PDB file of N, CA and C in Angstrom:
ATOM      1  N   MET A   1       1.370  -0.797   0.099  1.00  0.00           N
ATOM      2  CA  MET A   1      -0.073   0.134  -0.121  1.00  0.00           C
ATOM      3  C   MET A   1       0.861   1.270   0.275  1.00  0.00           C
ATOM      4  N   LYS A   2       0.103   2.135  -1.309  1.00  0.00           N
ATOM      5  CA  LYS A   2       1.309   3.464  -0.597  1.00  0.00           C
ATOM      6  C   LYS A   2       0.925   4.371  -0.041  1.00  0.00           C
ATOM      7  N   PRO A   3       1.692   5.401   0.745  1.00  0.00           N
ATOM      8  CA  PRO A   3       1.176   6.096   1.419  1.00  0.00           C
ATOM      9  C   PRO A   3      -0.020   7.393   1.396  1.00  0.00           C
ATOM     10  N   ILE A   4      -0.464   7.299   3.150  1.00  0.00           N
ATOM     11  CA  ILE A   4      -2.109   8.186   3.089  1.00  0.00           C
ATOM     12  C   ILE A   4      -1.249   9.687   2.306  1.00  0.00           C
ATOM     13  N   ILE A   5      -2.514  10.006   1.802  1.00  0.00           N
ATOM     14  CA  ILE A   5      -1.914  11.267   1.111  1.00  0.00           C
ATOM     15  C   ILE A   5      -3.481  12.564   1.241  1.00  0.00           C
ATOM     16  N   SER A   6      -2.932  13.659   1.505  1.00  0.00           N
ATOM     17  CA  SER A   6      -3.846  14.575   1.905  1.00  0.00           C
ATOM     18  C   SER A   6      -4.737  14.867   0.457  1.00  0.00           C
ATOM     19  N   PHE A   7      -6.258  15.262   1.224  1.00  0.00           N
ATOM     20  CA  PHE A   7      -7.231  15.920  -0.154  1.00  0.00           C
ATOM     21  C   PHE A   7      -6.527  16.704  -0.351  1.00  0.00           C
ATOM     22  N   GLU A   8      -5.941  17.368  -0.565  1.00  0.00           N
ATOM     23  CA  GLU A   8      -5.686  18.477  -1.358  1.00  0.00           C
ATOM     24  C   GLU A   8      -4.039  18.467  -2.546  1.00  0.00           C
ATOM     25  N   ASP A   9      -3.437  16.733  -2.031  1.00  0.00           N
ATOM     26  CA  ASP A   9      -2.223  16.105  -2.541  1.00  0.00           C
ATOM     27  C   ASP A   9      -3.721  15.572  -3.978  1.00  0.00           C
ATOM     28  N   PHE A  10      -4.513  15.275  -3.844  1.00  0.00           N
ATOM     29  CA  PHE A  10      -5.468  14.334  -4.998  1.00  0.00           C
ATOM     30  C   PHE A  10      -5.871  15.580  -5.378  1.00  0.00           C
ATOM     31  N   GLU A  11      -5.896  16.503  -5.186  1.00  0.00           N
ATOM     32  CA  GLU A  11      -6.345  17.927  -6.204  1.00  0.00           C
ATOM     33  C   GLU A  11      -5.070  17.909  -6.913  1.00  0.00           C
ATOM     34  N   LYS A  12      -4.319  17.888  -6.767  1.00  0.00           N
ATOM     35  CA  LYS A  12      -3.133  18.954  -8.052  1.00  0.00           C
ATOM     36  C   LYS A  12      -3.050  17.452  -8.800  1.00  0.00           C
ATOM     37  N   VAL A  13      -4.102  16.161  -8.673  1.00  0.00           N
ATOM     38  CA  VAL A  13      -3.945  15.241  -9.987  1.00  0.00           C
ATOM     39  C   VAL A  13      -4.938  15.948 -10.672  1.00  0.00           C
ATOM     40  N   ASP A  14      -4.849  16.344 -12.293  1.00  0.00           N
ATOM     41  CA  ASP A  14      -5.777  16.580 -13.170  1.00  0.00           C
ATOM     42  C   ASP A  14      -6.248  15.426 -13.675  1.00  0.00           C
ATOM     43  N   ILE A  15      -6.795  14.838 -13.430  1.00  0.00           N
ATOM     44  CA  ILE A  15      -7.707  13.830 -14.170  1.00  0.00           C
ATOM     45  C   ILE A  15      -9.189  14.088 -15.253  1.00  0.00           C
ATOM     46  N   ARG A  16      -8.642  13.644 -17.104  1.00  0.00           N
ATOM     47  CA  ARG A  16     -10.155  13.976 -17.031  1.00  0.00           C
ATOM     48  C   ARG A  16     -10.157  13.267 -18.567  1.00  0.00           C
ATOM     49  N   ILE A  17     -10.890  13.363 -19.040  1.00  0.00           N
ATOM     50  CA  ILE A  17     -12.117  11.696 -19.514  1.00  0.00           C
ATOM     51  C   ILE A  17     -11.926  12.832 -21.000  1.00  0.00           C
ATOM     52  N   GLY A  18     -11.122  11.679 -22.230  1.00  0.00           N
ATOM     53  CA  GLY A  18     -11.056  11.830 -23.475  1.00  0.00           C
ATOM     54  C   GLY A  18     -11.041  11.701 -24.828  1.00  0.00           C
ATOM     55  N   THR A  19     -11.149  11.421 -26.111  1.00  0.00           N
ATOM     56  CA  THR A  19     -11.831  10.691 -26.765  1.00  0.00           C
ATOM     57  C   THR A  19      -9.918   9.813 -27.860  1.00  0.00           C
ATOM     58  N   ILE A  20     -10.345   8.643 -27.921  1.00  0.00           N
ATOM     59  CA  ILE A  20      -9.055   8.140 -29.006  1.00  0.00           C
ATOM     60  C   ILE A  20      -9.579   8.498 -30.360  1.00  0.00           C
ATOM     61  N   ILE A  21      -8.294  10.016 -31.281  1.00  0.00           N
ATOM     62  CA  ILE A  21      -9.059  10.180 -32.359  1.00  0.00           C
ATOM     63  C   ILE A  21      -7.595   9.395 -33.257  1.00  0.00           C
ATOM     64  N   GLU A  22      -6.608   8.300 -32.779  1.00  0.00           N
ATOM     65  CA  GLU A  22      -5.626   8.648 -33.176  1.00  0.00           C
ATOM     66  C   GLU A  22      -5.268   7.182 -32.761  1.00  0.00           C
ATOM     67  N   VAL A  23      -4.441   6.239 -33.745  1.00  0.00           N
ATOM     68  CA  VAL A  23      -3.607   4.578 -32.669  1.00  0.00           C
ATOM     69  C   VAL A  23      -2.622   4.151 -34.108  1.00  0.00           C
ATOM     70  N   ASN A  24      -1.067   4.856 -33.561  1.00  0.00           N
ATOM     71  CA  ASN A  24      -0.553   4.268 -34.150  1.00  0.00           C
ATOM     72  C   ASN A  24      -0.009   3.186 -33.739  1.00  0.00           C
ATOM     73  N   ASP A  25       1.369   2.257 -34.240  1.00  0.00           N
ATOM     74  CA  ASP A  25       2.174   1.723 -34.001  1.00  0.00           C
ATOM     75  C   ASP A  25       2.862   2.020 -33.493  1.00  0.00           C
ATOM     76  N   PHE A  26       3.635   1.581 -32.519  1.00  0.00           N
ATOM     77  CA  PHE A  26       5.387   1.862 -31.453  1.00  0.00           C
ATOM     78  C   PHE A  26       6.099   1.057 -31.796  1.00  0.00           C
ATOM     79  N   PRO A  27       6.951   1.495 -32.646  1.00  0.00           N
ATOM     80  CA  PRO A  27       7.697   0.493 -33.017  1.00  0.00           C
ATOM     81  C   PRO A  27       9.304   0.354 -32.070  1.00  0.00           C
ATOM     82  N   LYS A  28       8.935   1.067 -31.787  1.00  0.00           N
ATOM     83  CA  LYS A  28      10.424   2.007 -30.398  1.00  0.00           C
ATOM     84  C   LYS A  28      11.113   1.378 -29.398  1.00  0.00           C
ATOM     85  N   ALA A  29       9.055   1.121 -29.275  1.00  0.00           N
ATOM     86  CA  ALA A  29       9.373   1.402 -27.352  1.00  0.00           C
ATOM     87  C   ALA A  29      10.094   0.358 -27.372  1.00  0.00           C
ATOM     88  N   LYS A  30      10.091   0.038 -25.942  1.00  0.00           N
ATOM     89  CA  LYS A  30      11.049  -1.021 -25.415  1.00  0.00           C
ATOM     90  C   LYS A  30       9.928  -1.795 -24.962  1.00  0.00           C
ATOM     91  N   LYS A  31       8.913  -1.755 -24.643  1.00  0.00           N
ATOM     92  CA  LYS A  31       7.688  -2.875 -24.425  1.00  0.00           C
ATOM     93  C   LYS A  31       6.657  -2.281 -25.490  1.00  0.00           C
ATOM     94  N   PRO A  32       5.782  -3.269 -25.908  1.00  0.00           N
ATOM     95  CA  PRO A  32       5.041  -3.321 -26.995  1.00  0.00           C
ATOM     96  C   PRO A  32       3.634  -1.628 -26.249  1.00  0.00           C
ATOM     97  N   ALA A  33       3.564  -1.343 -27.700  1.00  0.00           N
ATOM     98  CA  ALA A  33       2.878  -0.102 -27.191  1.00  0.00           C
ATOM     99  C   ALA A  33       2.038   0.087 -28.671  1.00  0.00           C
ATOM    100  N   TYR A  34       1.133   1.453 -27.874  1.00  0.00           N
ATOM    101  CA  TYR A  34       0.382   1.990 -28.954  1.00  0.00           C
ATOM    102  C   TYR A  34       1.005   3.469 -28.708  1.00  0.00           C
ATOM    103  N   GLN A  35       0.699   4.726 -30.069  1.00  0.00           N
ATOM    104  CA  GLN A  35       1.120   6.018 -29.649  1.00  0.00           C
ATOM    105  C   GLN A  35      -0.250   6.103 -30.469  1.00  0.00           C
ATOM    106  N   LEU A  36      -1.220   7.166 -28.957  1.00  0.00           N
ATOM    107  CA  LEU A  36      -2.251   7.411 -28.335  1.00  0.00           C
ATOM    108  C   LEU A  36      -2.770   8.772 -29.597  1.00  0.00           C
ATOM    109  N   THR A  37      -3.178   9.286 -29.849  1.00  0.00           N
ATOM    110  CA  THR A  37      -3.547  10.745 -29.873  1.00  0.00           C
ATOM    111  C   THR A  37      -5.537  10.871 -29.604  1.00  0.00           C
ATOM    112  N   ILE A  38      -5.382  12.154 -28.515  1.00  0.00           N
ATOM    113  CA  ILE A  38      -6.544  12.101 -27.502  1.00  0.00           C
ATOM    114  C   ILE A  38      -7.229  13.005 -27.490  1.00  0.00           C
ATOM    115  N   ASP A  39      -8.469  13.729 -27.916  1.00  0.00           N
ATOM    116  CA  ASP A  39      -9.264  14.911 -28.269  1.00  0.00           C
ATOM    117  C   ASP A  39      -9.904  15.128 -26.466  1.00  0.00           C
ATOM    118  N   PHE A  40      -9.198  16.090 -25.823  1.00  0.00           N
ATOM    119  CA  PHE A  40      -9.370  16.567 -24.915  1.00  0.00           C
ATOM    120  C   PHE A  40     -10.727  18.008 -24.605  1.00  0.00           C
ATOM    121  N   GLY A  41     -11.619  17.931 -26.150  1.00  0.00           N
ATOM    122  CA  GLY A  41     -12.551  18.891 -25.400  1.00  0.00           C
ATOM    123  C   GLY A  41     -11.648  20.452 -25.793  1.00  0.00           C
ATOM    124  N   GLU A  42     -12.307  21.084 -25.219  1.00  0.00           N
ATOM    125  CA  GLU A  42     -11.447  22.736 -24.991  1.00  0.00           C
ATOM    126  C   GLU A  42     -10.073  22.594 -24.617  1.00  0.00           C
ATOM    127  N   LEU A  43      -9.577  21.417 -24.311  1.00  0.00           N
ATOM    128  CA  LEU A  43      -8.265  21.442 -23.695  1.00  0.00           C
ATOM    129  C   LEU A  43      -7.094  20.979 -24.633  1.00  0.00           C
ATOM    130  N   GLY A  44      -7.794  20.881 -25.655  1.00  0.00           N
ATOM    131  CA  GLY A  44      -6.354  20.196 -26.887  1.00  0.00           C
ATOM    132  C   GLY A  44      -6.369  18.515 -26.809  1.00  0.00           C
ATOM    133  N   ILE A  45      -5.867  18.437 -28.110  1.00  0.00           N
ATOM    134  CA  ILE A  45      -5.318  17.378 -28.220  1.00  0.00           C
ATOM    135  C   ILE A  45      -4.010  17.150 -28.063  1.00  0.00           C
ATOM    136  N   LYS A  46      -4.284  15.821 -27.113  1.00  0.00           N
ATOM    137  CA  LYS A  46      -2.613  15.487 -26.805  1.00  0.00           C
ATOM    138  C   LYS A  46      -2.279  13.568 -27.068  1.00  0.00           C
ATOM    139  N   LYS A  47      -1.125  13.852 -26.449  1.00  0.00           N
ATOM    140  CA  LYS A  47      -0.495  12.179 -27.308  1.00  0.00           C
ATOM    141  C   LYS A  47      -0.104  11.650 -25.876  1.00  0.00           C
ATOM    142  N   SER A  48       0.061  10.043 -26.121  1.00  0.00           N
ATOM    143  CA  SER A  48      -0.041   9.313 -25.316  1.00  0.00           C
ATOM    144  C   SER A  48       0.684   8.000 -25.431  1.00  0.00           C
ATOM    145  N   SER A  49       1.752   7.600 -25.068  1.00  0.00           N
ATOM    146  CA  SER A  49       2.099   5.944 -25.195  1.00  0.00           C
ATOM    147  C   SER A  49       1.353   4.951 -24.646  1.00  0.00           C
ATOM    148  N   ALA A  50       0.925   4.004 -25.134  1.00  0.00           N
ATOM    149  CA  ALA A  50      -0.202   3.192 -23.351  1.00  0.00           C
ATOM    150  C   ALA A  50       0.541   1.542 -24.393  1.00  0.00           C
ATOM    151  N   GLN A  51       0.532   1.021 -23.140  1.00  0.00           N
ATOM    152  CA  GLN A  51       0.854  -0.424 -23.494  1.00  0.00           C
ATOM    153  C   GLN A  51      -0.170  -1.117 -23.145  1.00  0.00           C
ATOM    154  N   ILE A  52      -1.227  -1.160 -24.414  1.00  0.00           N
ATOM    155  CA  ILE A  52      -1.956  -2.150 -24.023  1.00  0.00           C
ATOM    156  C   ILE A  52      -2.501  -2.849 -25.010  1.00  0.00           C
ATOM    157  N   THR A  53      -1.580  -3.215 -25.907  1.00  0.00           N
ATOM    158  CA  THR A  53      -1.494  -4.122 -27.223  1.00  0.00           C
ATOM    159  C   THR A  53      -1.916  -4.967 -26.832  1.00  0.00           C
ATOM    160  N   GLN A  54      -2.136  -5.731 -25.960  1.00  0.00           N
ATOM    161  CA  GLN A  54      -2.077  -7.418 -25.591  1.00  0.00           C
ATOM    162  C   GLN A  54      -3.632  -7.430 -25.337  1.00  0.00           C
ATOM    163  N   LEU A  55      -4.351  -6.496 -25.068  1.00  0.00           N
ATOM    164  CA  LEU A  55      -6.210  -6.465 -24.770  1.00  0.00           C
ATOM    165  C   LEU A  55      -6.640  -6.103 -26.241  1.00  0.00           C
ATOM    166  N   TYR A  56      -6.127  -5.094 -26.617  1.00  0.00           N
ATOM    167  CA  TYR A  56      -6.840  -4.360 -27.655  1.00  0.00           C
ATOM    168  C   TYR A  56      -6.150  -3.685 -28.662  1.00  0.00           C
ATOM    169  N   ALA A  57      -6.561  -4.344 -30.307  1.00  0.00           N
ATOM    170  CA  ALA A  57      -6.723  -3.791 -31.443  1.00  0.00           C
ATOM    171  C   ALA A  57      -6.573  -2.257 -31.498  1.00  0.00           C
ATOM    172  N   LYS A  58      -5.644  -2.106 -32.746  1.00  0.00           N
ATOM    173  CA  LYS A  58      -6.123  -0.106 -33.059  1.00  0.00           C
ATOM    174  C   LYS A  58      -6.997  -0.337 -33.016  1.00  0.00           C
ATOM    175  N   GLU A  59      -8.142  -0.805 -33.665  1.00  0.00           N
ATOM    176  CA  GLU A  59      -9.378  -0.311 -34.657  1.00  0.00           C
ATOM    177  C   GLU A  59     -10.455  -0.291 -33.624  1.00  0.00           C
ATOM    178  N   SER A  60     -10.032  -0.914 -31.939  1.00  0.00           N
ATOM    179  CA  SER A  60     -11.231  -1.074 -31.262  1.00  0.00           C
ATOM    180  C   SER A  60     -11.149   0.190 -30.037  1.00  0.00           C
ATOM    181  N   LEU A  61      -9.847   1.134 -30.156  1.00  0.00           N
ATOM    182  CA  LEU A  61      -9.450   1.214 -29.871  1.00  0.00           C
ATOM    183  C   LEU A  61      -9.957   3.144 -30.340  1.00  0.00           C
ATOM    184  N   LEU A  62      -9.741   3.170 -31.652  1.00  0.00           N
ATOM    185  CA  LEU A  62     -10.747   4.362 -32.157  1.00  0.00           C
ATOM    186  C   LEU A  62     -12.315   4.739 -31.739  1.00  0.00           C
ATOM    187  N   ASN A  63     -11.810   6.081 -31.611  1.00  0.00           N
ATOM    188  CA  ASN A  63     -13.606   6.848 -30.437  1.00  0.00           C
ATOM    189  C   ASN A  63     -13.467   6.509 -29.168  1.00  0.00           C
ATOM    190  N   ARG A  64     -12.989   5.817 -28.602  1.00  0.00           N
ATOM    191  CA  ARG A  64     -13.070   4.672 -27.181  1.00  0.00           C
ATOM    192  C   ARG A  64     -12.324   6.728 -26.834  1.00  0.00           C
ATOM    193  N   GLN A  65     -12.970   6.293 -25.559  1.00  0.00           N
ATOM    194  CA  GLN A  65     -13.276   7.207 -24.139  1.00  0.00           C
ATOM    195  C   GLN A  65     -12.245   6.714 -23.367  1.00  0.00           C
ATOM    196  N   VAL A  66     -11.451   7.898 -22.844  1.00  0.00           N
ATOM    197  CA  VAL A  66     -10.701   7.160 -21.826  1.00  0.00           C
ATOM    198  C   VAL A  66     -10.125   8.052 -21.193  1.00  0.00           C
ATOM    199  N   THR A  67      -9.897   7.606 -19.416  1.00  0.00           N
ATOM    200  CA  THR A  67      -9.298   8.244 -18.278  1.00  0.00           C
ATOM    201  C   THR A  67      -7.603   8.617 -18.921  1.00  0.00           C
ATOM    202  N   ALA A  68      -7.231  10.168 -18.288  1.00  0.00           N
ATOM    203  CA  ALA A  68      -6.115   9.994 -18.407  1.00  0.00           C
ATOM    204  C   ALA A  68      -5.684  11.429 -16.930  1.00  0.00           C
ATOM    205  N   ILE A  69      -4.545  11.381 -16.627  1.00  0.00           N
ATOM    206  CA  ILE A  69      -4.338  12.614 -15.887  1.00  0.00           C
ATOM    207  C   ILE A  69      -3.308  12.912 -17.077  1.00  0.00           C
ATOM    208  N   ILE A  70      -3.838  14.551 -16.912  1.00  0.00           N
ATOM    209  CA  ILE A  70      -2.948  15.385 -18.288  1.00  0.00           C
ATOM    210  C   ILE A  70      -2.411  16.115 -18.048  1.00  0.00           C
ATOM    211  N   ASN A  71      -2.033  16.629 -16.447  1.00  0.00           N
ATOM    212  CA  ASN A  71      -0.512  17.133 -15.792  1.00  0.00           C
ATOM    213  C   ASN A  71       0.317  16.892 -15.287  1.00  0.00           C
ATOM    214  N   PHE A  72       0.850  15.843 -15.678  1.00  0.00           N
ATOM    215  CA  PHE A  72       2.139  15.237 -15.654  1.00  0.00           C
ATOM    216  C   PHE A  72       2.993  16.316 -16.340  1.00  0.00           C
ATOM    217  N   LYS A  73       4.369  16.293 -16.214  1.00  0.00           N
ATOM    218  CA  LYS A  73       5.529  16.729 -17.341  1.00  0.00           C
ATOM    219  C   LYS A  73       5.307  15.227 -18.567  1.00  0.00           C
ATOM    220  N   PRO A  74       5.433  16.388 -19.987  1.00  0.00           N
ATOM    221  CA  PRO A  74       6.072  15.407 -21.083  1.00  0.00           C
ATOM    222  C   PRO A  74       7.151  14.150 -20.551  1.00  0.00           C
ATOM    223  N   ARG A  75       6.985  13.278 -21.288  1.00  0.00           N
ATOM    224  CA  ARG A  75       8.112  12.270 -21.051  1.00  0.00           C
ATOM    225  C   ARG A  75       8.225  11.832 -22.094  1.00  0.00           C
ATOM    226  N   GLN A  76       9.885  11.724 -22.584  1.00  0.00           N
ATOM    227  CA  GLN A  76       9.927  11.267 -23.624  1.00  0.00           C
ATOM    228  C   GLN A  76      10.255   9.691 -23.299  1.00  0.00           C
ATOM    229  N   ILE A  77       9.698   9.313 -24.817  1.00  0.00           N
ATOM    230  CA  ILE A  77       9.727   7.408 -24.938  1.00  0.00           C
ATOM    231  C   ILE A  77      10.251   6.830 -26.050  1.00  0.00           C
ATOM    232  N   ALA A  78      11.204   6.601 -25.685  1.00  0.00           N
ATOM    233  CA  ALA A  78      12.466   6.660 -27.646  1.00  0.00           C
ATOM    234  C   ALA A  78      12.339   7.916 -28.320  1.00  0.00           C
ATOM    235  N   ASN A  79      11.148   7.070 -29.248  1.00  0.00           N
ATOM    236  CA  ASN A  79      11.449   9.154 -30.351  1.00  0.00           C
ATOM    237  C   ASN A  79      10.089   9.747 -29.925  1.00  0.00           C
ATOM    238  N   PHE A  80       9.565   9.597 -29.267  1.00  0.00           N
ATOM    239  CA  PHE A  80       8.614   9.687 -29.091  1.00  0.00           C
ATOM    240  C   PHE A  80       7.756  10.715 -27.704  1.00  0.00           C
ATOM    241  N   ILE A  81       6.952  11.711 -27.349  1.00  0.00           N
ATOM    242  CA  ILE A  81       6.631  12.172 -26.104  1.00  0.00           C
ATOM    243  C   ILE A  81       5.326  12.461 -26.278  1.00  0.00           C
ATOM    244  N   SER A  82       5.286  11.573 -24.829  1.00  0.00           N
ATOM    245  CA  SER A  82       4.250  11.382 -24.093  1.00  0.00           C
ATOM    246  C   SER A  82       3.727  12.396 -23.437  1.00  0.00           C
ATOM    247  N   GLU A  83       2.782  13.027 -23.437  1.00  0.00           N
ATOM    248  CA  GLU A  83       1.971  14.041 -22.569  1.00  0.00           C
ATOM    249  C   GLU A  83       0.591  14.035 -21.577  1.00  0.00           C
ATOM    250  N   VAL A  84       0.132  12.636 -21.537  1.00  0.00           N
ATOM    251  CA  VAL A  84      -0.352  12.089 -20.719  1.00  0.00           C
ATOM    252  C   VAL A  84      -0.314  10.987 -20.467  1.00  0.00           C
ATOM    253  N   LEU A  85      -1.167  10.470 -18.930  1.00  0.00           N
ATOM    254  CA  LEU A  85      -1.099   9.174 -18.641  1.00  0.00           C
ATOM    255  C   LEU A  85      -2.329   8.452 -18.558  1.00  0.00           C
ATOM    256  N   VAL A  86      -2.517   7.066 -20.038  1.00  0.00           N
ATOM    257  CA  VAL A  86      -4.098   7.058 -19.761  1.00  0.00           C
ATOM    258  C   VAL A  86      -3.662   5.461 -18.463  1.00  0.00           C
ATOM    259  N   LEU A  87      -4.727   5.764 -17.634  1.00  0.00           N
ATOM    260  CA  LEU A  87      -5.376   5.090 -16.657  1.00  0.00           C
ATOM    261  C   LEU A  87      -6.134   3.772 -17.250  1.00  0.00           C
ATOM    262  N   GLY A  88      -5.829   2.886 -16.481  1.00  0.00           N
ATOM    263  CA  GLY A  88      -5.677   1.015 -16.339  1.00  0.00           C
ATOM    264  C   GLY A  88      -5.217   0.362 -15.234  1.00  0.00           C
ATOM    265  N   VAL A  89      -5.770  -1.182 -15.753  1.00  0.00           N
ATOM    266  CA  VAL A  89      -5.556  -1.660 -13.985  1.00  0.00           C
ATOM    267  C   VAL A  89      -4.802  -3.142 -14.744  1.00  0.00           C
ATOM    268  N   TYR A  90      -3.879  -3.171 -13.688  1.00  0.00           N
ATOM    269  CA  TYR A  90      -3.569  -4.735 -14.200  1.00  0.00           C
ATOM    270  C   TYR A  90      -3.993  -5.526 -14.298  1.00  0.00           C
ATOM    271  N   ASN A  91      -4.884  -7.057 -15.469  1.00  0.00           N
ATOM    272  CA  ASN A  91      -5.934  -8.031 -14.804  1.00  0.00           C
ATOM    273  C   ASN A  91      -4.489  -9.184 -13.889  1.00  0.00           C
ATOM    274  N   GLU A  92      -5.056  -9.670 -13.481  1.00  0.00           N
ATOM    275  CA  GLU A  92      -4.132 -11.324 -13.669  1.00  0.00           C
ATOM    276  C   GLU A  92      -3.147 -11.803 -14.291  1.00  0.00           C
ATOM    277  N   SER A  93      -3.412 -11.221 -15.708  1.00  0.00           N
ATOM    278  CA  SER A  93      -2.397 -11.944 -16.597  1.00  0.00           C
ATOM    279  C   SER A  93      -1.260 -10.652 -16.306  1.00  0.00           C
ATOM    280  N   GLU A  94      -1.744  -9.248 -15.684  1.00  0.00           N
ATOM    281  CA  GLU A  94      -0.657  -8.800 -16.077  1.00  0.00           C
ATOM    282  C   GLU A  94      -0.503  -7.809 -17.194  1.00  0.00           C
ATOM    283  N   ASN A  95      -1.587  -7.609 -18.153  1.00  0.00           N
ATOM    284  CA  ASN A  95      -1.588  -6.531 -19.276  1.00  0.00           C
ATOM    285  C   ASN A  95      -3.205  -5.453 -18.221  1.00  0.00           C
ATOM    286  N   VAL A  96      -2.983  -4.195 -18.979  1.00  0.00           N
ATOM    287  CA  VAL A  96      -3.973  -3.072 -18.440  1.00  0.00           C
ATOM    288  C   VAL A  96      -4.964  -3.141 -19.512  1.00  0.00           C
ATOM    289  N   VAL A  97      -5.822  -3.162 -18.220  1.00  0.00           N
ATOM    290  CA  VAL A  97      -7.644  -2.552 -18.677  1.00  0.00           C
ATOM    291  C   VAL A  97      -7.840  -1.603 -18.668  1.00  0.00           C
ATOM    292  N   LEU A  98      -7.993  -1.608 -19.522  1.00  0.00           N
ATOM    293  CA  LEU A  98      -8.967   1.124 -19.405  1.00  0.00           C
ATOM    294  C   LEU A  98      -9.689   0.964 -18.558  1.00  0.00           C
ATOM    295  N   LEU A  99      -9.472   1.782 -18.032  1.00  0.00           N
ATOM    296  CA  LEU A  99     -10.418   2.548 -17.279  1.00  0.00           C
ATOM    297  C   LEU A  99     -11.078   3.914 -17.855  1.00  0.00           C
ATOM    298  N   LYS A 100     -12.597   3.505 -17.946  1.00  0.00           N
ATOM    299  CA  LYS A 100     -13.494   4.435 -18.577  1.00  0.00           C
ATOM    300  C   LYS A 100     -14.491   4.611 -17.884  1.00  0.00           C
ATOM    301  N   ALA A 101     -15.515   5.560 -18.123  1.00  0.00           N
ATOM    302  CA  ALA A 101     -16.731   6.065 -17.772  1.00  0.00           C
ATOM    303  C   ALA A 101     -17.802   4.619 -17.868  1.00  0.00           C
ATOM    304  N   SER A 102     -18.587   4.606 -17.299  1.00  0.00           N
ATOM    305  CA  SER A 102     -19.621   3.477 -17.821  1.00  0.00           C
ATOM    306  C   SER A 102     -21.073   4.769 -19.195  1.00  0.00           C
ATOM    307  N   GLU A 103     -21.168   5.922 -18.726  1.00  0.00           N
ATOM    308  CA  GLU A 103     -21.874   6.660 -20.157  1.00  0.00           C
ATOM    309  C   GLU A 103     -21.079   7.501 -20.769  1.00  0.00           C
ATOM    310  N   PHE A 104     -21.158   7.890 -21.531  1.00  0.00           N
ATOM    311  CA  PHE A 104     -20.249   9.061 -22.995  1.00  0.00           C
ATOM    312  C   PHE A 104     -20.529  10.045 -21.534  1.00  0.00           C
ATOM    313  N   ILE A 105     -19.144  10.633 -21.666  1.00  0.00           N
ATOM    314  CA  ILE A 105     -18.966  11.951 -21.169  1.00  0.00           C
ATOM    315  C   ILE A 105     -18.131  13.403 -22.579  1.00  0.00           C
ATOM    316  N   LYS A 106     -18.774  14.382 -22.122  1.00  0.00           N
ATOM    317  CA  LYS A 106     -17.899  15.044 -23.175  1.00  0.00           C
ATOM    318  C   LYS A 106     -16.307  15.356 -22.711  1.00  0.00           C
ATOM    319  N   ASN A 107     -15.649  14.815 -23.549  1.00  0.00           N
ATOM    320  CA  ASN A 107     -14.480  15.748 -23.703  1.00  0.00           C
ATOM    321  C   ASN A 107     -14.050  16.415 -22.850  1.00  0.00           C
ATOM    322  N   GLY A 108     -12.736  15.915 -22.035  1.00  0.00           N
ATOM    323  CA  GLY A 108     -12.300  17.126 -21.285  1.00  0.00           C
ATOM    324  C   GLY A 108     -12.600  17.156 -20.006  1.00  0.00           C
ATOM    325  N   GLU A 109     -14.182  16.668 -19.810  1.00  0.00           N
ATOM    326  CA  GLU A 109     -14.766  16.829 -18.468  1.00  0.00           C
ATOM    327  C   GLU A 109     -13.843  16.078 -17.181  1.00  0.00           C
ATOM    328  N   PHE A 110     -14.277  16.891 -15.996  1.00  0.00           N
ATOM    329  CA  PHE A 110     -12.674  17.003 -14.834  1.00  0.00           C
ATOM    330  C   PHE A 110     -13.288  15.755 -13.532  1.00  0.00           C
ATOM    331  N   VAL A 111     -12.186  14.636 -13.762  1.00  0.00           N
ATOM    332  CA  VAL A 111     -12.624  13.582 -12.733  1.00  0.00           C
ATOM    333  C   VAL A 111     -12.661  13.696 -11.097  1.00  0.00           C
ATOM    334  N   LYS A 112     -14.101  13.760 -10.426  1.00  0.00           N
ATOM    335  CA  LYS A 112     -13.768  14.008  -8.486  1.00  0.00           C
ATOM    336  C   LYS A 112     -13.881  12.887  -8.584  1.00  0.00           C
TER     337      LYS A 112
END
């Protein structure tokens, strides 16, 4: 278990809903991954590297809504700048299962 944080610490994390509008293979990544382009509405278009190739075909990700942390510092992964962290949970097979809202949410909406 990780250390207990204050509510103020949690409020610093900016978690938003976005829609994947483009998916590309990422052959230069150390572990199998996709390069995602995600629409966050008024917040703009952001890119992310996501190690989700085991459970998700590229075609199934297009137009899919995802939950992401958008206020991390950008991170260079091989020749790609990842701007946001798409959220998921490891299943029993150690594959990432994406977190998503149970209903459609407007892109850019804040997760509380």
